[in-house]
């Protein structure tokens, strides 16, 4: 059983690499490279191989618009995501790479989850000396 990740974040399962290549118009060599993780992305598909974990994590990165509440998967292209939403490629790249926390009301979902939970404060309080006032 072969598994593939498409640009919408859905997992596609096929019995063989040839079946995938025929169904989506790829050459067998390209499909084999994608399946093995030698190539992490081809034509909007992402590899599910362990070797491509870093690329898959970026591909499936969730961004949240704090103003409208929209949640979106980054997908195969930062450039296309920015173009679809009228954002600057530079600003969005800085957000995805972690240089900035917020760009035009867009935030990484994992950053938003960390901010909204009070876990960091509680873990910090646990390590305070007894003489320090609590928050």
Foldseek 3Di string as FASTA:
>chain_A
DFWKAAQQRDIDDDDDLVVVCVVPVHDSVVSVCQACVVDQDDPRMGYPHPNNVVVVCQQQWWKAQQVPGDIGGCGDDLVVVCVVVVHDSVQSVCQSVVVDADDNRIGTPVVVVVVPDCVVLVVVQVPDDPVDDHD
